[in-house]
Amino acid sequence: MLEQSRSEPEPGSPDGSQPVIPAGALTLRPWRESDAAQVSKAFSDPDIREWHLLSFDDEVDAAQWMGLWHEKWRQRSAAAWAITRNSQPETVLGQVAFRALYLDAAMAECSYWVIPDYRGEGIAAQATYALSDWAFEKLGLRRLEIVHSVRNHRSCRVAHDAGFTVEGIKRSLQRYEQGGYHDMHLHARVRPADTPARAWDRALLGLVSHVRLWTAASLVSAACALLTLVYRYAALLPLAMVAAVLLMRINVAYWPFRKRSRFRPVEAGSHNFLHR
């Protein structure tokens, strides 16, 4: 039997049980034994199986899987919630979770999936945003991460819509059945750092991290300076190169995200989920 998890009390749940989290028209609730059939069916979807490396033979396997999530909550090492509508609390739309939870470090890794019939409605993004707000306010977390395969473009859109900022790529991080080890795209939603990166810090780190780039730029600049001694308009060459690099960077970094997130970007502690 699945039971509501109980251990030492945590903020937001006086008896230590895993809380129910409101998310606008949605509700995030702990898994129930009665959800086993819906969970087993959900993991028959190829997309969910591919990106979560999991499938079930029957409802018994699904129930055991839900029981593991309850055990992880008791240990405060991870947690998962079923996503439901307020008007249909027994119908599972998907899951949102802390795939890993590090209370001592005040951080967690978020994950999500939605059953095919309910995709395209912004459910995963709304649920993830609500869970993030709750984690900042009730658990006192400072940093939440989402990592997804560089080939999983749908998950990237969810992370962006949930207010998670792109931070870069973690190379060769996770193995999948298709393609072996994948590079993973990293997103984060954070509370502001007590010691933030200054412009000077960024400049020095960029110089140290890109020695070859700066060396090449210096050589090109020196060559252009020499050319200006001979050709009148040679000084325009480095300016044209800089403009081209900036244009390429803007197109590569921002073209997939021209549609703005429906949520506020990063501020913690608010439960106004939709930002229309």
Protein backbone atom coordinates (compact mmCIF):
# COMPACT_ATOMS: atom_id res chain seq x y z
CA MET A 1 0.00 0.00 0.00
CA LEU A 2 1.15 3.51 -0.81
CA GLU A 3 1.09 5.79 2.17
CA GLN A 4 1.45 9.52 2.60
CA SER A 5 5.13 9.99 3.46
CA ARG A 6 5.94 11.06 7.00
CA SER A 7 9.19 11.91 8.74
CA GLU A 8 10.67 14.97 10.37
CA PRO A 9 8.53 18.07 9.78
CA GLU A 10 9.47 20.38 6.93
CA PRO A 11 8.36 23.98 6.32
CA GLY A 12 4.91 24.02 4.78
CA SER A 13 3.86 20.61 6.15
CA PRO A 14 3.48 20.56 9.93
CA ASP A 15 3.66 16.75 10.24
CA GLY A 16 6.31 16.15 7.59
CA SER A 17 3.91 14.65 5.05
CA GLN A 18 4.37 15.42 1.37
CA PRO A 19 2.18 18.46 0.72
CA VAL A 20 -0.42 19.16 -1.94
CA ILE A 21 0.67 22.22 -3.95
CA PRO A 22 -1.84 24.53 -5.70
CA ALA A 23 -0.95 25.58 -9.24
CA GLY A 24 -3.75 27.79 -10.51
CA ALA A 25 -6.27 25.53 -12.25
CA LEU A 26 -4.00 22.58 -11.51
CA THR A 27 -3.13 20.68 -8.35
CA LEU A 28 0.14 18.90 -7.59
CA ARG A 29 -0.54 15.99 -5.25
CA PRO A 30 1.44 12.94 -4.06
CA TRP A 31 0.97 9.73 -5.99
CA ARG A 32 -1.86 7.41 -4.89
CA GLU A 33 -2.22 3.67 -5.29
CA SER A 34 -5.30 4.27 -7.45
CA ASP A 35 -3.05 6.04 -10.01
CA ALA A 36 -1.20 2.83 -10.94
CA ALA A 37 -3.21 2.06 -14.08
CA GLN A 38 -2.81 5.59 -15.43
CA VAL A 39 0.92 5.60 -14.72
CA SER A 40 1.44 2.24 -16.42
CA LYS A 41 -0.43 3.49 -19.48
CA ALA A 42 1.52 6.77 -19.52
CA PHE A 43 4.83 4.92 -19.74
CA SER A 44 3.64 3.05 -22.80
CA ASP A 45 4.14 6.34 -24.66
CA PRO A 46 7.38 6.18 -26.71
CA ASP A 47 8.41 9.76 -25.88
CA ILE A 48 8.08 9.27 -22.12
CA ARG A 49 9.95 5.97 -22.29
CA GLU A 50 12.71 7.45 -24.45
CA TRP A 51 13.53 10.43 -22.23
CA HIS A 52 12.89 8.80 -18.84
CA LEU A 53 14.47 5.38 -19.52
CA LEU A 54 11.58 3.57 -17.87
CA SER A 55 8.66 1.28 -18.71
CA PHE A 56 6.33 -0.97 -16.71
CA ASP A 57 5.09 -4.49 -17.38
CA ASP A 58 1.94 -3.99 -15.32
CA GLU A 59 0.24 -1.93 -12.61
CA VAL A 60 2.22 -3.69 -9.89
CA ASP A 61 5.44 -2.30 -11.31
CA ALA A 62 3.86 1.15 -11.52
CA ALA A 63 2.74 0.96 -7.89
CA GLN A 64 6.25 -0.03 -6.78
CA TRP A 65 7.66 2.91 -8.73
CA MET A 66 5.27 5.30 -6.96
CA GLY A 67 6.24 3.76 -3.65
CA LEU A 68 9.89 4.55 -4.37
CA TRP A 69 8.99 8.21 -4.80
CA HIS A 70 7.33 8.21 -1.37
CA GLU A 71 10.42 6.62 0.14
CA LYS A 72 12.63 9.26 -1.47
CA TRP A 73 10.44 12.00 0.04
CA ARG A 74 10.84 10.43 3.48
CA GLN A 75 14.59 10.57 2.94
CA ARG A 76 14.32 14.11 1.52
CA SER A 77 16.44 13.02 -1.47
CA ALA A 78 13.79 13.47 -4.18
CA ALA A 79 10.03 13.89 -4.60
CA ALA A 80 7.31 13.58 -7.23
CA TRP A 81 3.79 14.92 -7.63
CA ALA A 82 0.97 13.86 -9.91
CA ILE A 83 -0.42 16.78 -11.94
CA THR A 84 -4.23 16.94 -11.90
CA ARG A 85 -6.94 19.47 -12.64
CA ASN A 86 -8.81 20.98 -9.70
CA SER A 87 -12.06 19.86 -11.33
CA GLN A 88 -10.83 16.28 -11.98
CA PRO A 89 -8.53 15.29 -9.08
CA GLU A 90 -8.51 11.58 -10.04
CA THR A 91 -7.34 12.13 -13.62
CA VAL A 92 -3.55 12.22 -13.94
CA LEU A 93 -2.22 14.66 -16.55
CA GLY A 94 1.46 14.06 -15.88
CA GLN A 95 4.19 14.38 -13.29
CA VAL A 96 6.46 17.10 -11.96
CA ALA A 97 9.33 16.13 -9.69
CA PHE A 98 12.52 16.91 -7.91
CA ARG A 99 14.60 14.27 -9.64
CA ALA A 100 17.26 15.06 -7.06
CA LEU A 101 16.90 17.18 -3.92
CA TYR A 102 19.84 18.56 -1.94
CA LEU A 103 18.44 20.42 1.05
CA ASP A 104 21.89 21.06 2.57
CA ALA A 105 23.02 22.72 -0.65
CA ALA A 106 19.63 24.47 -1.14
CA MET A 107 19.21 23.14 -4.66
CA ALA A 108 17.23 20.60 -6.68
CA GLU A 109 16.92 19.21 -10.21
CA CYS A 110 13.42 19.36 -11.69
CA SER A 111 11.85 17.00 -14.21
CA TYR A 112 8.42 16.59 -15.79
CA TRP A 113 6.34 14.63 -18.24
CA VAL A 114 2.79 14.98 -19.57
CA ILE A 115 0.50 12.30 -20.99
CA PRO A 116 0.11 12.73 -24.80
CA ASP A 117 -3.61 13.61 -24.64
CA TYR A 118 -2.84 16.73 -22.56
CA ARG A 119 0.25 18.09 -24.29
CA GLY A 120 0.26 21.54 -25.85
CA GLU A 121 -1.71 23.15 -23.00
CA GLY A 122 1.23 24.49 -20.99
CA ILE A 123 0.60 22.00 -18.18
CA ALA A 124 4.22 21.01 -17.58
CA ALA A 125 5.40 24.62 -17.53
CA GLN A 126 2.67 25.75 -15.13
CA ALA A 127 3.27 22.81 -12.80
CA THR A 128 7.04 23.34 -12.82
CA TYR A 129 6.67 27.03 -12.09
CA ALA A 130 4.34 26.33 -9.17
CA LEU A 131 6.70 23.72 -7.75
CA SER A 132 9.59 26.17 -8.09
CA ASP A 133 7.77 28.90 -6.19
CA TRP A 134 6.87 26.44 -3.43
CA ALA A 135 10.47 25.21 -3.20
CA PHE A 136 11.84 28.75 -2.88
CA GLU A 137 9.27 29.79 -0.28
CA LYS A 138 8.77 26.64 1.80
CA LEU A 139 12.00 24.66 1.44
CA GLY A 140 14.29 27.68 1.25
CA LEU A 141 16.00 26.47 -1.92
CA ARG A 142 18.27 28.87 -3.82
CA ARG A 143 18.78 27.10 -7.12
CA LEU A 144 16.62 24.84 -9.29
CA GLU A 145 17.98 23.19 -12.43
CA ILE A 146 16.51 21.48 -15.46
CA VAL A 147 18.73 19.46 -17.78
CA HIS A 148 17.44 17.82 -20.95
CA SER A 149 19.04 16.21 -23.96
CA VAL A 150 20.11 18.62 -26.68
CA ARG A 151 17.80 16.60 -28.95
CA ASN A 152 14.75 17.07 -26.70
CA HIS A 153 13.43 20.36 -28.07
CA ARG A 154 9.99 20.02 -26.48
CA SER A 155 11.50 19.88 -23.00
CA CYS A 156 13.55 22.98 -23.82
CA ARG A 157 10.37 24.91 -24.56
CA VAL A 158 8.83 23.80 -21.25
CA ALA A 159 11.89 24.91 -19.29
CA HIS A 160 11.84 28.32 -20.96
CA ASP A 161 8.10 28.80 -20.39
CA ALA A 162 8.54 27.84 -16.72
CA GLY A 163 10.97 30.74 -16.23
CA PHE A 164 14.23 28.76 -16.27
CA THR A 165 17.10 30.67 -17.88
CA VAL A 166 19.48 28.93 -20.28
CA GLU A 167 22.96 28.57 -18.76
CA GLY A 168 24.79 26.36 -21.23
CA ILE A 169 25.51 22.75 -22.16
CA LYS A 170 26.78 20.02 -19.85
CA ARG A 171 28.74 17.71 -22.08
CA SER A 172 28.35 13.94 -22.15
CA LEU A 173 26.16 13.95 -19.05
CA GLN A 174 23.50 11.28 -19.48
CA ARG A 175 23.14 8.02 -21.36
CA TYR A 176 20.03 7.13 -23.36
CA GLU A 177 19.07 4.03 -25.31
CA GLN A 178 19.25 6.01 -28.55
CA GLY A 179 22.53 7.81 -29.22
CA GLY A 180 24.50 6.70 -26.16
CA TYR A 181 25.69 9.58 -23.97
CA HIS A 182 24.02 12.89 -24.76
CA ASP A 183 25.13 16.44 -24.19
CA MET A 184 22.51 18.06 -21.95
CA HIS A 185 21.07 21.57 -22.13
CA LEU A 186 21.15 23.30 -18.73
CA HIS A 187 18.47 25.73 -17.49
CA ALA A 188 18.20 27.25 -14.01
CA ARG A 189 15.84 29.35 -11.92
CA VAL A 190 17.57 30.91 -8.94
CA ARG A 191 17.40 33.38 -6.14
CA PRO A 192 19.99 36.15 -6.65
CA ALA A 193 23.47 35.27 -5.39
CA ASP A 194 24.88 37.01 -2.32
CA THR A 195 28.13 37.42 -4.26
CA PRO A 196 27.07 37.96 -7.88
CA ALA A 197 29.34 37.99 -10.90
CA ARG A 198 30.44 41.53 -11.71
CA ALA A 199 31.15 42.82 -15.20
CA TRP A 200 34.85 42.79 -14.32
CA ASP A 201 34.63 39.17 -13.15
CA ARG A 202 32.93 38.14 -16.38
CA ALA A 203 35.55 39.94 -18.46
CA LEU A 204 38.47 38.28 -16.64
CA LEU A 205 36.85 34.84 -16.71
CA GLY A 206 36.12 35.24 -20.40
CA LEU A 207 39.73 36.20 -21.05
CA VAL A 208 41.07 33.23 -19.09
CA SER A 209 38.55 30.77 -20.59
CA HIS A 210 39.00 31.86 -24.22
CA VAL A 211 42.74 32.38 -24.59
CA ARG A 212 42.77 31.11 -28.17
CA LEU A 213 39.86 33.34 -29.16
CA TRP A 214 41.50 36.44 -27.72
CA THR A 215 44.83 35.55 -29.28
CA ALA A 216 43.17 35.16 -32.67
CA ALA A 217 41.29 38.44 -32.25
CA SER A 218 44.51 40.21 -31.28
CA LEU A 219 46.33 38.86 -34.35
CA VAL A 220 43.48 39.91 -36.63
CA SER A 221 43.42 43.36 -35.05
CA ALA A 222 47.18 43.73 -35.47
CA ALA A 223 46.92 42.68 -39.12
CA CYS A 224 44.13 45.17 -39.71
CA ALA A 225 46.17 47.92 -38.07
CA LEU A 226 49.01 47.19 -40.45
CA LEU A 227 46.65 47.19 -43.39
CA THR A 228 45.36 50.64 -42.45
CA LEU A 229 48.82 51.96 -43.11
CA VAL A 230 48.41 50.88 -46.72
CA TYR A 231 44.68 50.78 -47.44
CA ARG A 232 42.37 53.60 -46.41
CA TYR A 233 39.29 51.58 -45.39
CA ALA A 234 40.98 48.51 -43.90
CA ALA A 235 39.95 49.66 -40.39
CA LEU A 236 36.37 48.71 -41.27
CA LEU A 237 37.32 45.04 -41.50
CA PRO A 238 37.47 44.30 -37.73
CA LEU A 239 34.21 46.20 -37.21
CA ALA A 240 32.51 44.09 -39.86
CA MET A 241 33.84 40.91 -38.24
CA VAL A 242 32.57 41.93 -34.81
CA ALA A 243 29.15 42.79 -36.24
CA ALA A 244 28.94 39.40 -37.99
CA VAL A 245 29.87 37.49 -34.83
CA LEU A 246 27.29 39.40 -32.78
CA LEU A 247 24.59 38.76 -35.38
CA MET A 248 25.34 35.04 -35.43
CA ARG A 249 25.32 34.89 -31.63
CA ILE A 250 21.92 36.60 -31.43
CA ASN A 251 20.42 34.27 -34.04
CA VAL A 252 21.78 31.11 -32.44
CA ALA A 253 21.04 32.05 -28.82
CA TYR A 254 17.67 33.73 -29.13
CA TRP A 255 15.93 32.57 -32.28
CA PRO A 256 14.23 29.51 -30.63
CA PHE A 257 12.95 31.70 -27.80
CA ARG A 258 11.36 34.67 -29.57
CA LYS A 259 8.05 33.68 -28.02
CA ARG A 260 8.22 35.07 -24.48
CA SER A 261 7.61 32.94 -21.42
CA ARG A 262 4.10 33.12 -20.01
CA PHE A 263 5.56 33.31 -16.52
CA ARG A 264 7.63 35.83 -14.61
CA PRO A 265 11.32 35.10 -15.09
CA VAL A 266 13.14 34.41 -11.82
CA GLU A 267 11.73 36.17 -8.77
CA ALA A 268 10.95 33.72 -5.97
CA GLY A 269 8.14 33.60 -3.48
CA SER A 270 5.13 34.55 -5.60
CA HIS A 271 2.26 32.31 -6.63
CA ASN A 272 0.94 34.35 -9.55
CA PHE A 273 1.55 31.62 -12.08
CA LEU A 274 0.40 33.13 -15.35
CA HIS A 275 2.05 36.19 -16.79
CA ARG A 276 -0.17 37.07 -19.71
